[in-house]
Amino acid sequence: MTPHELVAVLEKHERWLKNKSGGSRANLTMTNMEGANLSGVNLAQSKLSGANLSHCDLSNANLSTADLFAAHLTKADLSGCNLYRADLRGAHMRGAKLKRAILKEADLRGGALLYGGPKGGKGLDFVRSDLSGTDFDDASLDNANLSGADLTDASMNGADCEGALLTGATLMRASMKSCNLARADLRGSNLSGVNLQGAILRDANLTGAMLAGANLRNADLQGAKLEGADLAGADTTGANLARSAENFSVQIQQALHSHYTWINTNGTMGARADLTGADLSHIDLTGVNLSGANLKRANLNGAKMREALLIMCDISEAVLAGADFTGAILDGANLRGTDMEGVRLDGAGVGWVDIKGPDGQPTGRLWAANLTGARLTGSSCVRTNLRGANLSDCDFSNANLTGAILSDANIRDAKFTGANLTGASLPPPPDPDDD
């Protein structure tokens, strides 16, 4: 198509949009316009299916409700372009620039393309939307449909994707800092290595999503569904991440429910929870009573356990890094060899418990919490009651033990390098000659 022919099409389309005589809707289906300067043009409602618009300048153009099915927009400049409700199914947009573009309610799914088959027959070829390496910074994508799209290495910093459909999308290594993904549907999506620092994921559906190695620092995940999500190696520092029990497997939910019944009926009904090795990362069990439960080798990374009752629990060799046990009671618990780096134990009780006999009366025998070999580097133990606990070989390096109670505790070979011990009550130093 020559430049003169293209200008004529644009003029007639403008008249058609204004319902003037002599106008006609622009039909540029399968037209090759590669590299054309179409900055600021009004092609709203136009037909551009399969058109070659690679390397075109479409900045600030109006392509709202346009048919761009399977169009080629590779490395096109669509900055500030209006693509409201545009049909971009199966579009090729690798490396395109869409800074500040409006893609509200746009359809960017893959699509089926009719082709001529052998012996004159016809068939369907499914074309996946290729948006890899695309620049969506500050773009408006709210309620857009990107299901199954390839957004590998895409840049979506500051983009508004509220309510967007991203089921099954590939977003590996994408940069989505401060992106708004509230209420977005990300089920089964691949977010491996994605940068979601400061992103808003409130009430987002991340069921079965792959988030391995993702950066979720300071992200807001309140109300997000994370059942079956893979968070291995993800950085969740400062993230508002809490997973209710409903976001975990049926087996875990049943074990918790049965344990609550066991507690409330004094053991006559239900059963003690055995969650050995279970993945309970970021679970929210604030205020629950899990006393006596088996949590050996469980992953409680980033768990919310504020004011929980965990008396006489076996939590040995578990991962509690970054977990919040503020105000929790862990008297008599077995925490031997646990990873408690960065844990919060402010105001918690991790001391001894008086063993009761069959008649329910105290026997006078004290059972101390066991933290032998536990790593509490960088932990916050402000006013934590560790009286009588076995803290031998514990690492409290750089921990905050302000006002903590360690009287009668066993601190043989414990490390307090760089720890804040202001106001802490410590036992006498162990006698090195005492075997």
Protein backbone atom coordinates (compact mmCIF):
# COMPACT_ATOMS: atom_id res chain seq x y z
CA MET A 1 0.00 0.00 0.00
CA THR A 2 1.38 3.38 -1.04
CA PRO A 3 1.39 6.36 1.34
CA HIS A 4 -1.27 8.07 -0.83
CA GLU A 5 -3.53 5.03 -0.65
CA LEU A 6 -3.11 4.86 3.12
CA VAL A 7 -3.95 8.55 3.54
CA ALA A 8 -7.11 8.03 1.46
CA VAL A 9 -8.16 5.10 3.70
CA LEU A 10 -7.59 7.18 6.82
CA GLU A 11 -9.60 10.10 5.46
CA LYS A 12 -12.55 7.88 4.54
CA HIS A 13 -12.38 6.19 7.95
CA GLU A 14 -12.48 9.56 9.67
CA ARG A 15 -15.62 10.46 7.70
CA TRP A 16 -17.13 7.06 8.59
CA LEU A 17 -16.51 7.65 12.29
CA LYS A 18 -18.29 11.00 12.00
CA ASN A 19 -21.17 9.53 9.96
CA LYS A 20 -20.38 11.78 7.04
CA SER A 21 -21.13 10.93 3.42
CA GLY A 22 -18.37 9.28 1.42
CA GLY A 23 -16.92 7.62 4.47
CA SER A 24 -16.06 3.93 4.84
CA ARG A 25 -14.62 1.83 7.62
CA ALA A 26 -10.90 1.22 7.28
CA ASN A 27 -10.19 -2.37 6.25
CA LEU A 28 -6.45 -2.94 6.36
CA THR A 29 -6.61 -6.67 6.95
CA MET A 30 -3.32 -8.41 6.07
CA THR A 31 -1.91 -5.10 4.80
CA ASN A 32 1.84 -4.56 5.03
CA MET A 33 2.51 -1.17 6.65
CA GLU A 34 5.81 -2.02 8.32
CA GLY A 35 7.65 1.05 9.57
CA ALA A 36 4.86 3.49 8.72
CA ASN A 37 4.43 6.69 10.73
CA LEU A 38 0.88 6.49 12.10
CA SER A 39 1.43 8.64 15.15
CA GLY A 40 -1.82 10.14 16.42
CA VAL A 41 -4.05 8.55 13.75
CA ASN A 42 -7.64 7.66 14.55
CA LEU A 43 -8.24 4.05 13.55
CA ALA A 44 -10.88 3.30 16.17
CA GLN A 45 -13.05 0.30 15.17
CA SER A 46 -10.83 -0.37 12.17
CA LYS A 47 -10.04 -3.81 10.75
CA LEU A 48 -6.35 -4.61 11.07
CA SER A 49 -6.44 -8.38 11.45
CA GLY A 50 -3.13 -9.92 10.41
CA ALA A 51 -1.74 -6.52 9.39
CA ASN A 52 2.01 -6.00 9.50
CA LEU A 53 2.57 -3.00 11.76
CA SER A 54 6.07 -3.97 12.89
CA HIS A 55 8.32 -1.02 13.72
CA CYS A 56 5.40 1.38 13.15
CA ASP A 57 5.05 4.60 15.10
CA LEU A 58 1.55 4.39 16.57
CA SER A 59 2.23 6.61 19.55
CA ASN A 60 -0.89 8.37 20.85
CA ALA A 61 -2.98 6.71 18.12
CA ASN A 62 -6.61 5.75 18.72
CA LEU A 63 -7.08 2.01 18.14
CA SER A 64 -9.94 1.54 20.57
CA THR A 65 -12.18 -1.47 19.76
CA ALA A 66 -10.01 -2.10 16.67
CA ASP A 67 -9.65 -5.63 15.27
CA LEU A 68 -5.94 -6.42 15.59
CA PHE A 69 -6.32 -10.19 15.65
CA ALA A 70 -2.93 -11.84 14.93
CA ALA A 71 -1.50 -8.45 13.91
CA HIS A 72 2.27 -8.02 13.79
CA LEU A 73 3.32 -5.23 16.15
CA THR A 74 6.87 -6.34 16.82
CA LYS A 75 8.92 -3.40 18.15
CA ALA A 76 6.11 -0.99 17.31
CA ASP A 77 5.86 2.23 19.31
CA LEU A 78 2.41 2.24 20.93
CA SER A 79 3.27 4.69 23.71
CA GLY A 80 0.15 6.47 24.90
CA CYS A 81 -1.95 4.54 22.37
CA ASN A 82 -5.65 4.01 23.12
CA LEU A 83 -6.34 0.27 22.76
CA TYR A 84 -9.49 0.18 24.85
CA ARG A 85 -11.33 -3.10 24.18
CA ALA A 86 -9.08 -3.80 21.20
CA ASP A 87 -8.97 -7.38 19.90
CA LEU A 88 -5.29 -8.31 20.17
CA ARG A 89 -5.71 -12.07 20.31
CA GLY A 90 -2.69 -13.83 18.93
CA ALA A 91 -0.93 -10.52 18.31
CA HIS A 92 2.86 -10.44 17.95
CA MET A 93 4.10 -7.62 20.16
CA ARG A 94 7.59 -8.75 21.05
CA GLY A 95 9.64 -5.74 22.13
CA ALA A 96 6.82 -3.26 21.53
CA LYS A 97 6.60 -0.03 23.55
CA LEU A 98 3.30 0.50 25.34
CA LYS A 99 4.28 3.05 27.98
CA ARG A 100 1.16 4.77 29.35
CA ALA A 101 -0.98 2.94 26.77
CA ILE A 102 -4.65 2.31 27.54
CA LEU A 103 -5.44 -1.41 27.27
CA LYS A 104 -8.48 -1.47 29.52
CA GLU A 105 -10.63 -4.54 28.75
CA ALA A 106 -8.39 -5.38 25.78
CA ASP A 107 -8.23 -9.02 24.70
CA LEU A 108 -4.63 -10.23 24.52
CA ARG A 109 -5.27 -13.96 24.65
CA GLY A 110 -4.04 -16.43 22.11
CA GLY A 111 -6.39 -17.08 19.22
CA ALA A 112 -7.31 -19.63 16.59
CA LEU A 113 -6.38 -18.80 13.02
CA LEU A 114 -8.04 -20.45 10.05
CA TYR A 115 -5.63 -21.79 7.45
CA GLY A 116 -5.83 -23.76 4.26
CA GLY A 117 -5.03 -27.40 4.85
CA PRO A 118 -3.87 -30.16 2.48
CA LYS A 119 -6.02 -31.07 -0.53
CA GLY A 120 -7.97 -27.86 -0.22
CA GLY A 121 -9.10 -28.59 3.30
CA LYS A 122 -9.13 -26.11 6.13
CA GLY A 123 -7.82 -26.22 9.68
CA LEU A 124 -7.27 -24.14 12.77
CA ASP A 125 -3.92 -22.99 14.05
CA PHE A 126 -3.79 -21.72 17.64
CA VAL A 127 -1.64 -18.59 17.82
CA ARG A 128 -0.26 -17.60 21.21
CA SER A 129 0.05 -13.90 21.96
CA ASP A 130 3.75 -13.00 22.00
CA LEU A 131 4.27 -10.06 24.35
CA SER A 132 7.77 -11.01 25.47
CA GLY A 133 10.05 -8.09 26.17
CA THR A 134 7.18 -5.63 25.74
CA ASP A 135 7.27 -2.33 27.63
CA PHE A 136 3.98 -1.87 29.52
CA ASP A 137 5.35 0.62 32.08
CA ASP A 138 2.53 2.76 33.54
CA ALA A 139 0.06 1.23 31.07
CA SER A 140 -3.62 0.79 31.92
CA LEU A 141 -4.48 -2.93 31.68
CA ASP A 142 -7.34 -3.12 34.14
CA ASN A 143 -9.74 -5.97 33.30
CA ALA A 144 -7.63 -6.85 30.25
CA ASN A 145 -7.53 -10.50 29.17
CA LEU A 146 -3.97 -11.81 28.92
CA SER A 147 -4.75 -15.47 29.61
CA GLY A 148 -1.97 -17.71 28.33
CA ALA A 149 0.04 -14.77 26.95
CA ASP A 150 3.83 -14.88 26.81
CA LEU A 151 5.08 -11.90 28.83
CA THR A 152 8.59 -13.20 29.43
CA ASP A 153 11.00 -10.36 30.29
CA ALA A 154 8.18 -7.81 29.90
CA SER A 155 8.36 -4.51 31.76
CA MET A 156 5.14 -3.65 33.62
CA ASN A 157 6.42 -1.28 36.29
CA GLY A 158 3.62 0.86 37.67
CA ALA A 159 1.08 -0.71 35.31
CA ASP A 160 -2.57 -0.86 36.39
CA CYS A 161 -3.64 -4.51 35.96
CA GLU A 162 -6.52 -4.51 38.44
CA GLY A 163 -8.92 -7.34 37.69
CA ALA A 164 -6.83 -8.51 34.72
CA LEU A 165 -7.04 -12.13 33.55
CA LEU A 166 -3.57 -13.66 33.49
CA THR A 167 -4.40 -17.33 33.94
CA GLY A 168 -1.67 -19.55 32.57
CA ALA A 169 0.38 -16.53 31.46
CA THR A 170 4.17 -16.72 31.33
CA LEU A 171 5.73 -13.78 33.16
CA MET A 172 9.19 -15.17 33.80
CA ARG A 173 11.73 -12.49 34.79
CA ALA A 174 9.19 -9.73 34.14
CA SER A 175 9.68 -6.44 35.98
CA MET A 176 6.41 -5.52 37.72
CA LYS A 177 7.54 -3.15 40.44
CA SER A 178 4.63 -1.25 42.04
CA CYS A 179 2.25 -2.95 39.58
CA ASN A 180 -1.42 -2.97 40.61
CA LEU A 181 -2.65 -6.58 40.37
CA ALA A 182 -5.51 -6.29 42.84
CA ARG A 183 -8.19 -8.92 42.09
CA ALA A 184 -6.14 -10.17 39.13
CA ASP A 185 -6.56 -13.83 38.15
CA LEU A 186 -3.07 -15.37 38.00
CA ARG A 187 -4.01 -19.02 38.42
CA GLY A 188 -1.35 -21.35 37.08
CA SER A 189 0.79 -18.46 35.84
CA ASN A 190 4.58 -18.66 35.73
CA LEU A 191 6.03 -15.79 37.76
CA SER A 192 9.46 -17.33 38.30
CA GLY A 193 12.07 -14.67 38.98
CA VAL A 194 9.57 -11.84 38.49
CA ASN A 195 10.19 -8.54 40.29
CA LEU A 196 7.01 -7.68 42.19
CA GLN A 197 8.62 -5.34 44.69
CA GLY A 198 5.97 -3.08 46.19
CA ALA A 199 3.28 -4.60 43.96
CA ILE A 200 -0.38 -4.66 45.01
CA LEU A 201 -1.78 -8.20 44.92
CA ARG A 202 -4.75 -7.75 47.23
CA ASP A 203 -7.38 -10.46 46.69
CA ALA A 204 -5.45 -11.73 43.66
CA ASN A 205 -5.86 -15.40 42.75
CA LEU A 206 -2.42 -17.02 42.68
CA THR A 207 -3.62 -20.60 43.03
CA GLY A 208 -1.00 -22.95 41.61
CA ALA A 209 1.18 -20.05 40.47
CA MET A 210 4.94 -20.47 40.16
CA LEU A 211 6.66 -17.76 42.22
CA ALA A 212 10.03 -19.44 42.70
CA GLY A 213 12.77 -16.85 43.15
CA ALA A 214 10.32 -13.96 42.83
CA ASN A 215 10.97 -10.60 44.50
CA LEU A 216 7.96 -9.86 46.70
CA ARG A 217 9.63 -7.35 48.98
CA ASN A 218 7.03 -5.00 50.52
CA ALA A 219 4.30 -6.45 48.29
CA ASP A 220 0.70 -6.31 49.50
CA LEU A 221 -0.79 -9.81 49.35
CA GLN A 222 -3.63 -9.35 51.80
CA GLY A 223 -6.48 -11.67 50.89
CA ALA A 224 -4.53 -13.26 48.03
CA LYS A 225 -5.26 -16.93 47.28
CA LEU A 226 -2.02 -18.92 47.35
CA GLU A 227 -3.16 -22.53 47.47
CA GLY A 228 -0.56 -24.68 45.75
CA ALA A 229 1.61 -21.67 44.91
CA ASP A 230 5.35 -22.33 44.74
CA LEU A 231 7.20 -19.68 46.79
CA ALA A 232 10.54 -21.50 46.93
CA GLY A 233 13.35 -18.98 47.20
CA ALA A 234 10.98 -16.00 46.99
CA ASP A 235 12.01 -12.85 48.86
CA THR A 236 9.00 -11.88 50.99
CA THR A 237 10.77 -9.36 53.23
CA GLY A 238 8.24 -6.77 54.37
CA ALA A 239 5.47 -8.38 52.33
CA ASN A 240 1.96 -8.38 53.72
CA LEU A 241 1.62 -12.08 53.10
CA ALA A 242 -0.74 -14.23 55.10
CA ARG A 243 -2.31 -17.48 53.98
CA SER A 244 -5.40 -18.66 55.81
CA ALA A 245 -5.75 -22.38 56.43
CA GLU A 246 -8.30 -22.53 53.59
CA ASN A 247 -5.43 -21.88 51.16
CA PHE A 248 -3.73 -25.16 52.09
CA SER A 249 -4.35 -28.77 51.12
CA VAL A 250 -7.37 -30.68 52.39
CA GLN A 251 -5.04 -32.92 54.43
CA ILE A 252 -3.58 -29.93 56.30
CA GLN A 253 -7.01 -28.41 56.87
CA GLN A 254 -8.33 -31.73 58.22
CA ALA A 255 -5.31 -32.16 60.50
CA LEU A 256 -5.82 -28.68 61.97
CA HIS A 257 -9.56 -29.16 62.42
CA SER A 258 -9.06 -32.54 64.08
CA HIS A 259 -6.46 -31.04 66.41
CA TYR A 260 -8.79 -28.22 67.47
CA THR A 261 -11.41 -30.85 68.30
CA TRP A 262 -8.80 -32.84 70.25
CA ILE A 263 -7.90 -29.73 72.26
CA ASN A 264 -11.49 -28.66 72.92
CA THR A 265 -12.59 -32.14 74.07
CA ASN A 266 -9.50 -32.81 76.20
CA GLY A 267 -8.48 -35.61 73.88
CA THR A 268 -11.77 -37.54 73.87
CA MET A 269 -12.42 -36.69 70.22
CA GLY A 270 -10.31 -35.67 67.23
CA ALA A 271 -6.59 -36.35 67.02
CA ARG A 272 -3.29 -34.66 67.71
CA ALA A 273 -2.07 -32.93 64.54
CA ASP A 274 0.90 -34.59 62.85
CA LEU A 275 2.24 -32.07 60.32
CA THR A 276 5.77 -33.42 60.08
CA GLY A 277 7.56 -31.80 57.14
CA ALA A 278 4.42 -29.94 56.02
CA ASP A 279 4.72 -26.76 53.97
CA LEU A 280 2.98 -24.15 56.12
CA SER A 281 4.93 -21.17 54.83
CA HIS A 282 3.19 -17.85 55.49
CA ILE A 283 0.22 -19.54 57.12
CA ASP A 284 -1.87 -17.31 59.38
CA LEU A 285 -2.61 -19.14 62.64
CA THR A 286 -2.94 -16.08 64.83
CA GLY A 287 -4.34 -16.98 68.25
CA VAL A 288 -4.87 -20.70 67.52
CA ASN A 289 -4.20 -23.48 70.01
CA LEU A 290 -1.79 -26.03 68.55
CA SER A 291 -0.43 -27.22 71.87
CA GLY A 292 1.03 -30.69 71.63
CA ALA A 293 1.08 -30.74 67.82
CA ASN A 294 3.89 -32.36 65.83
CA LEU A 295 5.47 -29.74 63.55
CA LYS A 296 8.85 -31.40 63.22
CA ARG A 297 10.75 -30.26 60.10
CA ALA A 298 7.73 -28.18 59.01
CA ASN A 299 8.22 -25.10 56.84
CA LEU A 300 6.79 -22.18 58.80
CA ASN A 301 8.77 -19.54 56.95
CA GLY A 302 7.06 -16.17 57.38
CA ALA A 303 4.15 -17.71 59.33
CA LYS A 304 1.84 -15.48 61.41
CA MET A 305 1.59 -17.14 64.84
CA ARG A 306 0.90 -14.12 67.05
CA GLU A 307 -0.53 -15.07 70.47
CA ALA A 308 -0.78 -18.73 69.43
CA LEU A 309 -0.59 -21.51 72.03
CA LEU A 310 2.17 -23.96 71.13
CA ILE A 311 2.82 -25.52 74.53
CA MET A 312 4.79 -28.79 74.40
CA CYS A 313 4.85 -28.71 70.57
CA ASP A 314 7.56 -30.56 68.67
CA ILE A 315 8.90 -27.95 66.25
CA SER A 316 12.41 -29.38 66.05
CA GLU A 317 14.44 -28.89 62.85
CA ALA A 318 11.67 -26.70 61.45
CA VAL A 319 12.12 -23.53 59.38
CA LEU A 320 10.71 -20.51 61.24
CA ALA A 321 12.72 -17.79 59.49
CA GLY A 322 10.85 -14.50 59.47
CA ALA A 323 7.88 -15.96 61.38
CA ASP A 324 5.94 -13.79 63.84
CA PHE A 325 5.41 -15.38 67.27
CA THR A 326 4.70 -12.11 69.11
CA GLY A 327 2.92 -12.90 72.37
CA ALA A 328 2.84 -16.64 71.61
CA ILE A 329 3.29 -19.27 74.32
CA LEU A 330 5.84 -21.96 73.48
CA ASP A 331 6.56 -23.18 77.00
CA GLY A 332 8.05 -26.67 76.99
CA ALA A 333 8.25 -26.72 73.18
CA ASN A 334 10.98 -28.62 71.36
CA LEU A 335 12.73 -26.12 69.06
CA ARG A 336 15.99 -28.02 68.78
CA GLY A 337 17.95 -27.20 65.63
CA THR A 338 15.33 -24.82 64.22
CA ASP A 339 16.10 -22.02 61.76
CA MET A 340 14.69 -18.95 63.50
CA GLU A 341 16.60 -16.25 61.66
CA GLY A 342 14.74 -12.94 61.85
CA VAL A 343 11.91 -14.46 63.91
CA ARG A 344 9.79 -12.20 66.15
CA LEU A 345 9.33 -13.49 69.69
CA ASP A 346 8.50 -10.17 71.37
CA GLY A 347 6.62 -10.81 74.61
CA ALA A 348 6.50 -14.55 73.90
CA GLY A 349 6.90 -17.25 76.53
CA VAL A 350 9.50 -19.91 75.67
CA GLY A 351 10.25 -21.22 79.15
CA TRP A 352 9.24 -24.21 81.19
CA VAL A 353 5.87 -25.77 81.86
CA ASP A 354 4.66 -27.64 84.93
CA ILE A 355 3.82 -31.21 83.95
CA LYS A 356 0.38 -32.32 85.09
CA GLY A 357 -0.58 -35.79 86.23
CA PRO A 358 -3.53 -37.97 85.09
CA ASP A 359 -5.74 -36.12 87.57
CA GLY A 360 -4.91 -32.84 85.90
CA GLN A 361 -2.99 -31.58 88.93
CA PRO A 362 0.59 -30.16 88.70
CA THR A 363 3.25 -32.73 89.52
CA GLY A 364 5.91 -30.17 90.39
CA ARG A 365 8.07 -31.46 87.55
CA LEU A 366 9.13 -28.71 85.17
CA TRP A 367 9.59 -29.35 81.45
CA ALA A 368 11.82 -26.73 79.83
CA ALA A 369 11.69 -25.47 76.26
CA ASN A 370 14.55 -26.96 74.24
CA LEU A 371 16.29 -24.61 71.78
CA THR A 372 19.57 -26.51 71.57
CA GLY A 373 21.46 -25.49 68.44
CA ALA A 374 18.69 -23.17 67.25
CA ARG A 375 19.70 -20.22 65.05
CA LEU A 376 18.11 -16.93 66.13
CA THR A 377 20.41 -14.53 64.31
CA GLY A 378 18.82 -11.13 63.83
CA SER A 379 15.75 -12.18 65.79
CA SER A 380 13.62 -9.85 67.92
CA CYS A 381 13.23 -11.21 71.45
CA VAL A 382 12.15 -8.06 73.25
CA ARG A 383 10.81 -9.00 76.70
CA THR A 384 10.76 -12.68 75.69
CA ASN A 385 10.51 -15.05 78.65
CA LEU A 386 13.18 -17.74 78.16
CA ARG A 387 13.45 -18.64 81.82
CA GLY A 388 14.76 -22.14 82.36
CA ALA A 389 15.02 -22.86 78.62
CA ASN A 390 17.86 -24.93 77.20
CA LEU A 391 19.70 -22.42 75.01
CA SER A 392 22.94 -24.35 74.70
CA ASP A 393 24.74 -23.74 71.40
CA CYS A 394 22.05 -21.20 70.35
CA ASP A 395 23.13 -18.41 68.00
CA PHE A 396 21.69 -15.04 69.09
CA SER A 397 24.10 -13.00 66.96
CA ASN A 398 22.71 -9.49 66.27
CA ALA A 399 19.47 -10.40 68.03
CA ASN A 400 17.49 -7.86 70.07
CA LEU A 401 17.12 -9.28 73.60
CA THR A 402 16.09 -6.02 75.27
CA GLY A 403 14.37 -6.84 78.55
CA ALA A 404 14.45 -10.58 77.86
CA ILE A 405 14.36 -13.03 80.78
CA LEU A 406 17.05 -15.71 80.55
CA SER A 407 17.42 -16.46 84.24
CA ASP A 408 17.89 -20.17 85.03
CA ALA A 409 18.43 -20.82 81.31
CA ASN A 410 21.26 -23.02 80.04
CA ILE A 411 23.38 -20.75 77.83
CA ARG A 412 26.46 -22.98 77.52
CA ASP A 413 28.21 -22.27 74.17
CA ALA A 414 25.44 -19.85 73.16
CA LYS A 415 26.57 -16.96 70.93
CA PHE A 416 25.52 -13.37 71.67
CA THR A 417 27.85 -11.55 69.25
CA GLY A 418 26.40 -8.12 68.46
CA ALA A 419 23.21 -8.87 70.42
CA ASN A 420 21.38 -6.09 72.28
CA LEU A 421 21.16 -7.27 75.90
CA THR A 422 19.92 -3.99 77.41
CA GLY A 423 17.85 -4.77 80.50
CA ALA A 424 18.08 -8.52 79.92
CA SER A 425 18.34 -10.79 82.95
CA LEU A 426 21.05 -13.36 82.31
CA PRO A 427 22.10 -16.43 84.30
CA PRO A 428 25.59 -16.56 85.74
CA PRO A 429 28.18 -17.46 83.08
CA PRO A 430 28.70 -21.23 82.91
CA ASP A 431 31.73 -22.67 84.62
CA PRO A 432 34.11 -23.80 81.85
CA ASP A 433 35.39 -26.55 84.14
CA ASP A 434 31.91 -27.90 84.72
CA ASP A 435 31.46 -31.08 82.68
